[in-house]
N, C-alpha and C. Protein backbone atom coordinates (compact mmCIF):
# COMPACT_ATOMS: atom_id res chain seq x y z
N MET A 1 -24.24 -9.51 -8.41
CA MET A 1 -23.97 -8.88 -7.06
C MET A 1 -25.10 -8.76 -6.31
N GLY A 2 -26.17 -8.44 -6.82
CA GLY A 2 -27.56 -8.06 -6.09
C GLY A 2 -27.76 -9.38 -5.37
N ASP A 3 -27.78 -10.59 -6.26
CA ASP A 3 -28.16 -11.88 -5.91
C ASP A 3 -27.40 -12.20 -4.46
N ILE A 4 -25.89 -12.00 -4.59
CA ILE A 4 -25.12 -12.45 -3.66
C ILE A 4 -25.41 -11.77 -2.43
N LEU A 5 -25.74 -10.58 -2.41
CA LEU A 5 -25.99 -9.46 -1.08
C LEU A 5 -27.30 -10.04 -0.52
N THR A 6 -28.25 -10.67 -1.28
CA THR A 6 -29.51 -11.05 -0.89
C THR A 6 -29.23 -12.28 0.25
N LYS A 7 -28.10 -12.56 0.49
CA LYS A 7 -27.83 -13.88 1.30
C LYS A 7 -27.59 -13.21 2.70
N TYR A 8 -27.50 -12.01 2.62
CA TYR A 8 -26.97 -11.32 3.95
C TYR A 8 -27.87 -10.24 4.43
N THR A 9 -27.74 -10.09 5.91
CA THR A 9 -28.80 -9.05 6.19
C THR A 9 -28.27 -7.76 6.20
N ALA A 10 -28.74 -6.56 6.12
CA ALA A 10 -28.28 -5.34 6.15
C ALA A 10 -27.17 -4.93 6.97
N ASP A 11 -27.31 -5.45 8.28
CA ASP A 11 -26.26 -5.19 9.36
C ASP A 11 -24.96 -6.03 8.96
N GLU A 12 -25.14 -7.20 8.34
CA GLU A 12 -24.00 -7.75 7.82
C GLU A 12 -23.18 -7.13 6.79
N VAL A 13 -24.08 -6.63 5.72
CA VAL A 13 -23.53 -5.73 4.57
C VAL A 13 -22.54 -4.60 5.14
N GLU A 14 -23.36 -3.87 6.14
CA GLU A 14 -22.76 -2.77 6.54
C GLU A 14 -21.43 -3.08 7.28
N GLU A 15 -21.45 -4.15 8.38
CA GLU A 15 -20.25 -4.65 8.78
C GLU A 15 -19.03 -4.86 7.94
N ALA A 16 -19.47 -5.60 6.79
CA ALA A 16 -18.39 -6.01 5.88
C ALA A 16 -17.81 -4.73 5.28
N LYS A 17 -18.80 -3.64 4.82
CA LYS A 17 -18.31 -2.37 4.47
C LYS A 17 -17.49 -1.48 5.27
N GLY A 18 -17.65 -1.81 6.63
CA GLY A 18 -16.89 -1.14 7.79
C GLY A 18 -15.60 -1.70 7.86
N LYS A 19 -15.38 -3.08 7.70
CA LYS A 19 -13.97 -3.93 7.65
C LYS A 19 -13.19 -3.50 6.37
N ILE A 20 -13.89 -3.25 5.24
CA ILE A 20 -13.18 -2.70 3.79
C ILE A 20 -12.83 -1.33 4.33
N LYS A 21 -13.48 -0.47 4.73
CA LYS A 21 -13.29 0.72 5.02
C LYS A 21 -11.76 0.92 5.89
N ARG A 22 -12.01 0.26 7.03
CA ARG A 22 -10.81 0.05 8.11
C ARG A 22 -9.49 -0.37 7.39
N ILE A 23 -9.60 -1.37 6.51
CA ILE A 23 -8.51 -1.86 5.89
C ILE A 23 -7.68 -0.90 4.89
N GLU A 24 -8.65 -0.22 4.23
CA GLU A 24 -8.36 0.98 3.01
C GLU A 24 -7.55 1.99 3.80
N VAL A 25 -8.26 2.52 4.97
CA VAL A 25 -7.74 3.64 5.84
C VAL A 25 -6.43 3.15 6.29
N ARG A 26 -6.39 1.91 6.84
CA ARG A 26 -4.98 1.47 7.43
C ARG A 26 -3.87 1.58 6.40
N LYS A 27 -4.43 1.26 5.10
CA LYS A 27 -3.21 1.16 4.04
C LYS A 27 -2.78 2.72 3.80
N LYS A 28 -3.69 3.36 3.87
CA LYS A 28 -3.30 4.89 3.25
C LYS A 28 -2.43 5.49 4.62
N GLU A 29 -2.98 5.22 5.83
CA GLU A 29 -2.10 5.50 6.86
C GLU A 29 -0.73 5.00 6.85
N TYR A 30 -0.48 3.62 6.41
CA TYR A 30 0.88 3.21 6.46
C TYR A 30 1.44 3.93 5.40
N ARG A 31 0.73 4.24 4.29
CA ARG A 31 1.75 4.68 2.93
C ARG A 31 2.23 6.32 3.42
N LEU A 32 1.27 6.84 4.06
CA LEU A 32 1.44 8.21 4.54
C LEU A 32 2.59 8.51 5.51
N LEU A 33 2.50 7.61 6.51
CA LEU A 33 3.52 7.69 7.55
C LEU A 33 4.78 7.05 7.09
N LYS A 34 5.02 6.00 6.07
CA LYS A 34 6.17 5.45 5.69
C LYS A 34 6.84 6.72 4.61
N GLU A 35 6.03 7.22 3.98
CA GLU A 35 6.60 8.07 2.96
C GLU A 35 7.40 9.31 3.66
N LYS A 36 6.42 9.87 4.73
CA LYS A 36 6.99 10.95 5.42
C LYS A 36 8.07 10.67 6.24
N LEU A 37 8.34 9.59 6.84
CA LEU A 37 9.42 9.15 7.71
C LEU A 37 10.43 8.77 6.65
N GLU A 38 10.38 8.29 5.60
CA GLU A 38 11.37 8.01 4.63
C GLU A 38 12.04 9.25 4.02
N GLU A 39 11.09 10.07 3.77
CA GLU A 39 11.69 11.48 3.18
C GLU A 39 12.34 11.96 4.38
N HIS A 40 12.08 12.14 5.61
CA HIS A 40 12.76 12.92 6.87
C HIS A 40 13.82 12.36 6.86
N PHE A 41 14.08 10.99 6.86
CA PHE A 41 15.27 10.28 7.35
C PHE A 41 16.14 10.00 6.26
N ASN A 42 15.66 10.19 5.08
CA ASN A 42 16.20 9.84 3.61
C ASN A 42 16.96 8.29 3.56
N PHE A 43 16.40 7.48 4.35
CA PHE A 43 16.60 6.04 4.07
C PHE A 43 15.45 5.23 4.30
N LYS A 44 15.30 3.94 3.73
CA LYS A 44 14.27 3.10 3.88
C LYS A 44 13.89 2.54 5.12
N ILE A 45 12.76 2.44 5.51
CA ILE A 45 12.31 2.08 7.08
C ILE A 45 11.45 0.78 7.01
N THR A 46 12.03 -0.22 7.60
CA THR A 46 11.33 -1.64 7.63
C THR A 46 10.00 -1.54 7.84
N ASP A 47 9.09 -2.48 7.29
CA ASP A 47 7.68 -2.40 7.29
C ASP A 47 7.12 -2.50 8.76
N TYR A 48 8.08 -3.62 9.60
CA TYR A 48 7.26 -3.69 10.93
C TYR A 48 7.66 -2.55 11.89
N ILE A 49 8.40 -1.83 11.42
CA ILE A 49 8.63 -0.36 12.54
C ILE A 49 7.51 0.27 12.05
N ILE A 50 7.08 0.56 10.98
CA ILE A 50 5.83 1.40 10.55
C ILE A 50 4.76 1.01 11.06
N ASP A 51 4.62 -0.21 11.21
CA ASP A 51 3.40 -1.12 12.02
C ASP A 51 3.31 -0.82 13.25
N ASP A 52 4.43 -0.83 13.88
CA ASP A 52 4.76 -0.54 15.35
C ASP A 52 4.12 0.57 15.90
N ILE A 53 4.41 1.94 14.89
CA ILE A 53 4.06 3.38 15.28
C ILE A 53 2.63 3.25 15.04
N LEU A 54 2.10 2.77 13.78
CA LEU A 54 0.85 2.64 13.64
C LEU A 54 -0.32 2.02 14.88
N ASP A 55 0.32 1.00 15.50
CA ASP A 55 -0.22 0.06 16.40
C ASP A 55 0.02 0.55 17.85
N TYR A 56 0.32 1.72 18.15
CA TYR A 56 0.79 2.49 19.33
C TYR A 56 1.56 1.86 20.33
N GLU A 57 2.80 1.14 19.76
CA GLU A 57 3.49 0.21 20.54
C GLU A 57 4.48 1.24 21.41
N THR A 58 5.19 0.58 22.39
CA THR A 58 6.12 1.27 22.98
C THR A 58 7.35 1.79 22.41
N TYR A 59 7.91 2.75 22.81
CA TYR A 59 9.39 3.20 22.25
C TYR A 59 10.16 2.04 22.44
N ARG A 60 10.25 1.26 23.74
CA ARG A 60 11.17 0.36 23.61
C ARG A 60 11.08 -0.80 22.89
N HIS A 61 9.56 -1.21 22.79
CA HIS A 61 9.52 -2.28 21.75
C HIS A 61 9.98 -1.93 20.41
N THR A 62 9.77 -0.78 19.92
CA THR A 62 10.09 -0.56 18.45
C THR A 62 11.38 -0.28 18.41
N CYS A 63 12.17 0.31 19.41
CA CYS A 63 13.50 0.14 19.43
C CYS A 63 14.05 -1.42 19.50
N LEU A 64 13.75 -2.37 19.91
CA LEU A 64 13.93 -3.70 19.85
C LEU A 64 13.66 -4.37 18.13
N MET A 65 12.69 -3.58 17.71
CA MET A 65 12.39 -4.03 16.34
C MET A 65 13.28 -3.54 15.51
N ILE A 66 13.95 -2.24 15.77
CA ILE A 66 14.92 -1.65 14.97
C ILE A 66 16.25 -2.36 15.27
N ASN A 67 16.47 -2.73 16.15
CA ASN A 67 17.58 -3.81 16.73
C ASN A 67 17.74 -5.09 15.57
N LEU A 68 16.25 -5.61 15.58
CA LEU A 68 16.34 -6.69 14.58
C LEU A 68 16.23 -6.44 13.32
N ALA A 69 15.98 -5.39 12.78
CA ALA A 69 16.01 -4.98 11.28
C ALA A 69 17.70 -4.75 11.07
N VAL A 70 18.72 -4.24 12.04
CA VAL A 70 19.91 -4.45 11.85
C VAL A 70 20.55 -5.50 11.80
N ILE A 71 20.13 -6.70 12.57
CA ILE A 71 20.45 -7.92 12.47
C ILE A 71 20.05 -8.57 11.22
N ASN A 72 19.05 -8.22 10.60
CA ASN A 72 18.56 -8.86 9.38
C ASN A 72 19.27 -8.00 8.08
N ASN A 73 19.96 -7.17 8.51
CA ASN A 73 20.27 -6.31 7.38
C ASN A 73 19.67 -5.43 6.56
N ARG A 74 18.47 -4.78 7.21
CA ARG A 74 17.46 -4.11 6.65
C ARG A 74 17.81 -2.45 6.90
N ILE A 75 18.45 -2.23 8.05
CA ILE A 75 18.97 -1.03 8.31
C ILE A 75 20.31 -1.05 8.95
N SER A 76 21.22 -0.03 8.68
CA SER A 76 22.47 0.12 8.82
C SER A 76 22.78 0.40 10.33
N ILE A 77 23.92 0.10 10.83
CA ILE A 77 24.13 0.39 12.32
C ILE A 77 24.10 1.99 12.42
N ASP A 78 24.42 2.79 11.53
CA ASP A 78 24.81 4.12 11.55
C ASP A 78 23.20 4.64 11.59
N ASN A 79 22.31 4.28 10.60
CA ASN A 79 21.05 4.40 10.53
C ASN A 79 20.14 4.01 11.63
N GLU A 80 20.41 3.09 12.43
CA GLU A 80 19.84 2.75 13.52
C GLU A 80 19.92 3.66 14.86
N GLU A 81 20.98 4.38 14.81
CA GLU A 81 21.03 5.36 15.98
C GLU A 81 20.16 6.69 15.34
N ILE A 82 20.33 7.09 14.27
CA ILE A 82 19.81 8.16 13.75
C ILE A 82 18.29 7.92 13.85
N LEU A 83 17.55 6.69 13.43
CA LEU A 83 16.32 6.66 13.54
C LEU A 83 15.49 6.51 14.82
N LYS A 84 16.45 5.80 15.91
CA LYS A 84 16.18 5.89 17.01
C LYS A 84 16.01 7.19 17.72
N ALA A 85 16.86 7.98 17.58
CA ALA A 85 17.08 9.23 18.14
C ALA A 85 15.85 10.30 17.44
N GLY A 86 15.70 10.18 16.19
CA GLY A 86 14.83 10.84 15.53
C GLY A 86 13.36 10.65 15.76
N LEU A 87 13.11 9.06 15.79
CA LEU A 87 11.59 8.89 16.17
C LEU A 87 11.38 9.56 17.66
N ARG A 88 12.40 9.29 18.66
CA ARG A 88 11.99 9.95 19.83
C ARG A 88 11.51 11.36 19.84
N THR A 89 12.45 12.22 18.86
CA THR A 89 11.79 13.76 18.72
C THR A 89 10.80 13.88 18.08
N ILE A 90 10.62 13.31 17.05
CA ILE A 90 9.39 13.48 16.11
C ILE A 90 8.08 13.19 17.05
N PHE A 91 7.94 12.23 17.77
CA PHE A 91 6.99 11.53 18.35
C PHE A 91 6.88 12.06 20.02
N LYS A 92 7.94 12.97 20.17
CA LYS A 92 7.60 13.50 21.69
C LYS A 92 7.88 12.30 22.84
N ILE A 93 8.73 11.55 22.64
CA ILE A 93 8.93 10.55 23.61
C ILE A 93 10.00 10.83 24.83
N LYS A 94 9.40 10.64 25.91
CA LYS A 94 9.96 10.92 27.19
C LYS A 94 10.81 9.77 28.06
N ASN A 95 10.24 8.64 27.73
CA ASN A 95 10.79 7.62 28.37
C ASN A 95 10.42 6.46 27.57
N GLU A 96 11.21 5.39 27.76
CA GLU A 96 11.12 4.18 26.93
C GLU A 96 9.81 3.42 26.74
N TYR A 97 9.03 3.89 27.66
CA TYR A 97 7.87 3.00 28.01
C TYR A 97 6.63 3.88 27.55
N ASP A 98 6.79 5.06 26.74
CA ASP A 98 5.85 5.79 26.20
C ASP A 98 5.43 5.08 24.76
N ARG A 99 4.17 5.19 24.86
CA ARG A 99 3.60 4.75 23.53
C ARG A 99 3.60 5.64 22.32
N PHE A 100 3.81 5.40 21.24
CA PHE A 100 3.78 5.99 19.92
C PHE A 100 2.22 6.76 19.59
N ASN A 101 2.23 8.06 19.44
CA ASN A 101 0.94 8.68 19.05
C ASN A 101 1.04 9.09 17.52
N ARG A 102 0.63 8.04 16.63
CA ARG A 102 0.67 8.65 15.20
C ARG A 102 -0.14 9.95 14.88
N ASN A 103 -0.82 10.25 15.78
CA ASN A 103 -1.52 11.49 15.60
C ASN A 103 -0.72 12.84 15.74
N VAL A 104 0.38 12.60 16.39
CA VAL A 104 1.37 13.87 16.52
C VAL A 104 2.13 14.02 15.18
N TYR A 105 2.06 13.09 14.25
CA TYR A 105 2.85 13.18 12.95
C TYR A 105 1.83 13.24 11.80
N ILE A 106 0.60 12.37 11.71
CA ILE A 106 -0.30 12.45 10.58
C ILE A 106 -1.57 12.88 10.95
N ASP A 107 -2.11 13.66 11.72
CA ASP A 107 -3.34 13.91 12.25
C ASP A 107 -3.88 15.06 11.35
N THR A 108 -3.25 15.72 10.46
CA THR A 108 -3.82 16.57 9.72
C THR A 108 -4.74 16.22 8.65
N PHE A 109 -4.51 14.85 8.19
CA PHE A 109 -4.98 14.12 7.39
C PHE A 109 -6.74 13.79 7.56
N ASP A 110 -7.67 14.33 6.96
CA ASP A 110 -9.06 13.74 6.90
C ASP A 110 -9.17 12.43 6.15
N PHE A 111 -9.23 11.30 6.75
CA PHE A 111 -9.16 9.90 6.43
C PHE A 111 -10.58 9.48 6.12
N ASP A 112 -11.67 10.10 6.76
CA ASP A 112 -13.21 9.84 6.45
C ASP A 112 -13.37 10.54 4.89
N SER A 113 -13.02 11.73 4.74
CA SER A 113 -13.33 12.36 3.51
C SER A 113 -12.52 11.73 2.27
N TRP A 114 -11.36 11.24 2.76
CA TRP A 114 -10.18 10.92 1.88
C TRP A 114 -11.04 9.43 1.34
N TYR A 115 -11.51 8.57 2.18
CA TYR A 115 -12.00 7.47 1.87
C TYR A 115 -13.17 7.46 1.01
N ASP A 116 -14.00 8.42 1.36
CA ASP A 116 -15.28 8.70 0.50
C ASP A 116 -14.94 8.87 -0.87
N LYS A 117 -13.92 9.86 -0.87
CA LYS A 117 -13.35 10.28 -2.37
C LYS A 117 -12.69 9.20 -2.94
N TYR A 118 -12.16 8.41 -2.17
CA TYR A 118 -11.11 7.03 -2.95
C TYR A 118 -12.15 6.14 -3.31
N SER A 119 -13.19 5.66 -2.68
CA SER A 119 -14.07 4.79 -3.24
C SER A 119 -15.21 4.89 -3.99
N THR A 120 -15.57 6.30 -4.12
CA THR A 120 -16.67 6.62 -4.69
C THR A 120 -16.57 7.67 -6.01
N GLU A 121 -15.65 8.34 -5.90
CA GLU A 121 -15.32 9.62 -6.99
C GLU A 121 -14.80 8.82 -8.26
N GLU A 122 -15.50 8.87 -9.30
CA GLU A 122 -14.95 8.39 -10.50
C GLU A 122 -14.15 9.53 -11.37
N ILE A 123 -13.21 9.28 -11.46
CA ILE A 123 -12.11 10.38 -11.96
C ILE A 123 -11.10 9.90 -13.10
N VAL A 124 -11.00 8.44 -13.28
CA VAL A 124 -9.94 8.09 -14.27
C VAL A 124 -10.62 7.33 -15.51
N ASP A 125 -10.38 7.85 -16.55
CA ASP A 125 -11.05 7.19 -17.82
C ASP A 125 -9.74 6.15 -18.27
N ILE A 126 -9.88 4.91 -17.77
CA ILE A 126 -8.73 3.94 -18.12
C ILE A 126 -8.36 3.74 -19.41
N LYS A 127 -9.37 3.78 -20.27
CA LYS A 127 -9.41 3.55 -21.64
C LYS A 127 -8.51 4.67 -22.53
N LYS A 128 -8.40 5.66 -21.80
CA LYS A 128 -7.45 6.76 -22.43
C LYS A 128 -6.10 6.54 -22.21
N PHE A 129 -5.77 5.40 -21.39
CA PHE A 129 -4.19 5.41 -21.21
C PHE A 129 -3.94 3.98 -21.86
N LEU A 130 -4.84 3.41 -21.81
CA LEU A 130 -4.58 1.77 -22.40
C LEU A 130 -4.96 1.89 -23.91
N ASN A 131 -4.42 1.02 -24.66
CA ASN A 131 -4.63 0.87 -26.20
C ASN A 131 -5.05 -0.43 -26.17
N ARG A 132 -5.72 -0.83 -27.48
CA ARG A 132 -6.18 -2.41 -27.54
C ARG A 132 -5.19 -3.38 -26.98
N ASP A 133 -4.03 -3.33 -27.62
CA ASP A 133 -3.02 -4.32 -27.34
C ASP A 133 -2.95 -4.49 -25.75
N ASP A 134 -2.81 -3.38 -25.11
CA ASP A 134 -2.68 -3.43 -23.50
C ASP A 134 -4.11 -4.11 -22.89
N ILE A 135 -5.14 -3.93 -23.50
CA ILE A 135 -6.47 -4.46 -22.97
C ILE A 135 -6.58 -5.83 -23.33
N ASN A 136 -5.94 -6.30 -24.44
CA ASN A 136 -5.90 -7.79 -24.73
C ASN A 136 -5.16 -8.41 -23.98
N LEU A 137 -3.69 -7.70 -23.63
CA LEU A 137 -2.82 -8.40 -22.70
C LEU A 137 -3.50 -8.54 -21.28
N LEU A 138 -4.23 -7.67 -20.74
CA LEU A 138 -5.07 -7.88 -19.48
C LEU A 138 -5.92 -9.00 -19.66
N LYS A 139 -6.51 -9.18 -20.71
CA LYS A 139 -7.54 -10.33 -20.77
C LYS A 139 -6.63 -11.55 -20.45
N LYS A 140 -5.56 -11.86 -21.25
CA LYS A 140 -4.66 -12.86 -21.28
C LYS A 140 -4.30 -13.09 -19.60
N LEU A 141 -3.93 -11.91 -19.04
CA LEU A 141 -3.94 -12.14 -17.39
C LEU A 141 -5.07 -12.37 -16.54
N ASN A 142 -6.13 -12.44 -17.18
CA ASN A 142 -7.32 -12.49 -16.62
C ASN A 142 -7.80 -11.43 -15.48
N ILE A 143 -7.77 -10.32 -16.34
CA ILE A 143 -7.71 -8.98 -15.52
C ILE A 143 -8.70 -8.15 -16.47
N LYS A 144 -10.21 -8.06 -15.95
CA LYS A 144 -11.00 -7.52 -16.71
C LYS A 144 -11.36 -6.01 -16.64
N ILE A 145 -11.18 -5.27 -17.69
CA ILE A 145 -11.30 -3.78 -17.60
C ILE A 145 -12.72 -3.37 -17.66
N LYS A 146 -13.43 -2.47 -16.73
CA LYS A 146 -14.83 -2.41 -16.56
C LYS A 146 -15.21 -1.19 -17.68
N ASN A 147 -16.18 -1.13 -18.36
CA ASN A 147 -16.71 -0.07 -19.03
C ASN A 147 -16.91 1.16 -18.31
N LYS A 148 -16.46 1.82 -17.59
CA LYS A 148 -16.66 2.82 -16.59
C LYS A 148 -15.47 3.74 -16.51
N ILE A 149 -15.95 4.99 -15.95
CA ILE A 149 -14.81 5.76 -15.21
C ILE A 149 -14.36 5.23 -13.86
N TYR A 150 -13.08 5.33 -13.65
CA TYR A 150 -12.61 4.44 -12.33
C TYR A 150 -12.49 5.28 -11.26
N THR A 151 -12.57 5.09 -10.09
CA THR A 151 -12.28 5.62 -8.83
C THR A 151 -10.76 5.30 -8.71
N GLU A 152 -10.32 6.00 -7.61
CA GLU A 152 -8.91 5.81 -7.20
C GLU A 152 -8.63 4.32 -6.64
N GLN A 153 -9.86 3.56 -5.99
CA GLN A 153 -9.79 2.61 -5.47
C GLN A 153 -9.90 1.51 -6.63
N GLU A 154 -10.35 1.74 -7.78
CA GLU A 154 -10.47 0.59 -8.69
C GLU A 154 -9.29 0.56 -9.23
N VAL A 155 -8.54 1.70 -9.71
CA VAL A 155 -7.20 1.92 -10.01
C VAL A 155 -6.29 0.88 -9.30
N GLU A 156 -6.21 1.24 -8.15
CA GLU A 156 -5.33 0.66 -7.29
C GLU A 156 -5.54 -0.94 -7.18
N ILE A 157 -6.85 -1.36 -7.48
CA ILE A 157 -7.16 -2.81 -7.59
C ILE A 157 -6.28 -3.36 -8.66
N LEU A 158 -6.85 -2.60 -9.90
CA LEU A 158 -6.05 -2.90 -11.25
C LEU A 158 -4.67 -3.10 -10.94
N ASN A 159 -4.01 -2.17 -10.28
CA ASN A 159 -2.65 -2.23 -10.21
C ASN A 159 -2.03 -3.35 -9.19
N MET A 160 -2.75 -3.80 -8.43
CA MET A 160 -2.51 -4.75 -7.29
C MET A 160 -2.67 -6.16 -8.14
N ASP A 161 -3.81 -6.33 -9.16
CA ASP A 161 -3.76 -7.35 -9.77
C ASP A 161 -2.69 -7.74 -10.84
N LEU A 162 -2.17 -6.44 -11.22
CA LEU A 162 -1.01 -6.64 -12.06
C LEU A 162 0.12 -6.99 -11.17
N LEU A 163 0.50 -6.46 -10.10
CA LEU A 163 1.53 -6.55 -9.38
C LEU A 163 1.68 -8.22 -8.84
N SER A 164 0.44 -8.86 -9.20
CA SER A 164 0.52 -10.45 -8.47
C SER A 164 1.46 -11.18 -9.63
N TYR A 165 1.92 -10.51 -10.71
CA TYR A 165 2.51 -11.33 -11.86
C TYR A 165 4.10 -10.85 -11.46
N TYR A 166 4.34 -9.65 -10.75
CA TYR A 166 5.80 -9.26 -10.75
C TYR A 166 6.74 -10.16 -10.12
N ILE A 167 7.96 -9.96 -10.91
CA ILE A 167 9.23 -10.70 -10.58
C ILE A 167 10.29 -9.58 -10.51
N ALA A 168 10.99 -9.49 -9.20
CA ALA A 168 12.29 -8.96 -9.32
C ALA A 168 13.44 -9.49 -8.85
N ASP A 169 14.62 -9.01 -8.93
CA ASP A 169 15.99 -9.95 -8.74
C ASP A 169 16.03 -10.01 -7.30
N ASP A 170 15.67 -8.90 -6.54
CA ASP A 170 15.99 -8.81 -5.05
C ASP A 170 14.74 -9.61 -4.17
N MET A 171 13.86 -10.12 -4.98
CA MET A 171 12.63 -10.72 -4.02
C MET A 171 13.13 -12.09 -3.29
N ASP A 172 12.82 -12.31 -2.27
CA ASP A 172 13.21 -13.48 -1.65
C ASP A 172 12.51 -14.59 -1.96
N GLU A 173 12.52 -15.61 -1.36
CA GLU A 173 12.10 -16.80 -1.64
C GLU A 173 10.45 -16.94 -1.51
N GLU A 174 10.46 -16.37 -0.17
CA GLU A 174 8.74 -16.16 0.20
C GLU A 174 8.00 -15.39 -0.68
N GLU A 175 8.47 -14.18 -0.99
CA GLU A 175 7.97 -13.32 -2.03
C GLU A 175 7.80 -13.78 -3.32
N LEU A 176 8.40 -14.65 -3.84
CA LEU A 176 8.49 -15.32 -5.14
C LEU A 176 7.17 -16.52 -5.02
N LYS A 177 7.05 -17.05 -4.09
CA LYS A 177 6.00 -18.16 -3.90
C LYS A 177 4.73 -17.41 -4.49
N HIS A 178 4.53 -16.12 -3.81
CA HIS A 178 3.31 -15.31 -4.13
C HIS A 178 3.30 -14.68 -5.12
N SER A 179 4.22 -14.97 -6.32
CA SER A 179 4.04 -14.46 -7.66
C SER A 179 3.68 -15.18 -8.72
N LYS A 180 2.57 -14.64 -9.47
CA LYS A 180 2.16 -15.64 -10.47
C LYS A 180 3.03 -15.76 -11.64
N SER A 181 3.00 -16.91 -12.23
CA SER A 181 3.54 -17.17 -13.72
C SER A 181 2.96 -16.33 -14.74
N LEU A 182 3.58 -15.70 -15.67
CA LEU A 182 2.98 -15.23 -16.73
C LEU A 182 2.52 -16.25 -17.84
N PRO A 183 1.34 -15.99 -18.41
CA PRO A 183 0.75 -16.90 -19.54
C PRO A 183 2.02 -17.13 -20.33
N LYS A 184 2.13 -18.31 -21.03
CA LYS A 184 3.18 -18.44 -22.10
C LYS A 184 3.09 -17.45 -23.47
N ASP A 185 2.04 -17.05 -23.66
CA ASP A 185 2.04 -15.81 -24.81
C ASP A 185 2.04 -14.34 -24.24
N VAL A 186 2.60 -14.37 -22.98
CA VAL A 186 2.87 -12.89 -22.58
C VAL A 186 4.31 -12.81 -22.24
N SER A 187 5.03 -12.17 -22.59
CA SER A 187 6.51 -11.84 -22.33
C SER A 187 6.67 -10.91 -21.37
N ARG A 188 7.63 -10.97 -20.69
CA ARG A 188 7.87 -10.31 -19.30
C ARG A 188 8.41 -8.59 -19.75
N GLU A 189 8.83 -8.53 -21.01
CA GLU A 189 8.73 -7.22 -21.43
C GLU A 189 7.37 -6.50 -21.59
N GLU A 190 6.53 -7.30 -22.49
CA GLU A 190 5.26 -6.80 -22.61
C GLU A 190 4.76 -6.24 -21.16
N TYR A 191 4.71 -7.12 -20.28
CA TYR A 191 4.19 -7.06 -18.88
C TYR A 191 4.68 -5.98 -18.14
N ASP A 192 6.14 -5.84 -18.28
CA ASP A 192 6.66 -4.60 -17.61
C ASP A 192 6.38 -3.28 -18.15
N ASN A 193 5.99 -3.12 -19.51
CA ASN A 193 5.69 -2.14 -20.25
C ASN A 193 4.23 -1.55 -19.58
N LEU A 194 3.25 -2.74 -19.38
CA LEU A 194 1.84 -2.42 -19.13
C LEU A 194 1.90 -2.16 -17.93
N LEU A 195 2.87 -2.80 -17.10
CA LEU A 195 2.63 -2.36 -15.35
C LEU A 195 3.10 -0.73 -15.39
N GLU A 196 4.07 -0.34 -16.15
CA GLU A 196 4.46 0.98 -16.16
C GLU A 196 3.63 1.88 -16.32
N LYS A 197 2.68 1.76 -17.35
CA LYS A 197 1.79 2.38 -17.84
C LYS A 197 0.48 2.63 -16.79
N VAL A 198 0.50 1.62 -15.97
CA VAL A 198 -0.87 1.53 -15.07
C VAL A 198 -0.19 2.40 -13.88
N ASN A 199 1.19 2.37 -13.46
CA ASN A 199 2.06 3.06 -12.57
C ASN A 199 1.69 4.10 -12.59
N LYS A 200 2.01 4.82 -14.04
CA LYS A 200 1.97 6.24 -14.37
C LYS A 200 0.83 6.97 -14.29
N ILE A 201 -0.42 6.06 -14.23
CA ILE A 201 -1.79 6.73 -14.03
C ILE A 201 -1.80 7.13 -12.61
N SER A 202 -1.34 6.35 -11.76
CA SER A 202 -1.35 6.81 -10.11
C SER A 202 -0.46 7.86 -10.00
N GLU A 203 0.92 7.99 -10.72
CA GLU A 203 1.67 9.11 -10.70
C GLU A 203 0.93 10.47 -10.99
N ASP A 204 0.56 10.28 -12.29
CA ASP A 204 -0.30 11.55 -12.84
C ASP A 204 -1.35 12.19 -12.13
N TYR A 205 -2.32 11.26 -11.37
CA TYR A 205 -3.30 11.66 -10.54
C TYR A 205 -2.89 11.84 -9.00
N LYS A 206 -1.77 11.79 -8.69
CA LYS A 206 -0.93 11.85 -7.43
C LYS A 206 -1.81 10.97 -6.34
N PHE A 207 -2.00 9.63 -6.81
CA PHE A 207 -2.85 8.82 -5.89
C PHE A 207 -1.77 8.32 -4.75
């Protein structure tokens, strides 16, 4: 890694680190907002509606996206009206051209402190959760386990590497295109059990 980094200036390295941080903070903001809103409304909210709010879109534009979600059967007609009225109240929208201010809803979260902990604090001893068979299975999937205590970020990367092999009955054709096929010597049952173990790590640590 050191040899690779010598090709770049200090400014380029810092710029790359900044981009990674912005991506990770965005992902955290997205998860936090989606979880809070879905808990509030008690139904699933389409991804692009969450993105609209994070991107400070106008209420009018987001309502058009909600209409699109209804057309695509992602939100019911009843929930459409509930969501439009609820968002208007939660985000203190006064007219249709007001822009969403995400800080109204998630401003209590210190993203800088979270990112520092997320990316540097080593807290998970992965090998306490995985047995030898699990580690051998990861090797078959070309996923390497590091001989170290993992950060939350490293646990998430492990989980994402595993999810690249995930297949569910309700996945559409486009999603299936991005799913890797399991090696011939790995059964779907073995994979599912391993994925459940790794998911439980995140649940236990409340990531």
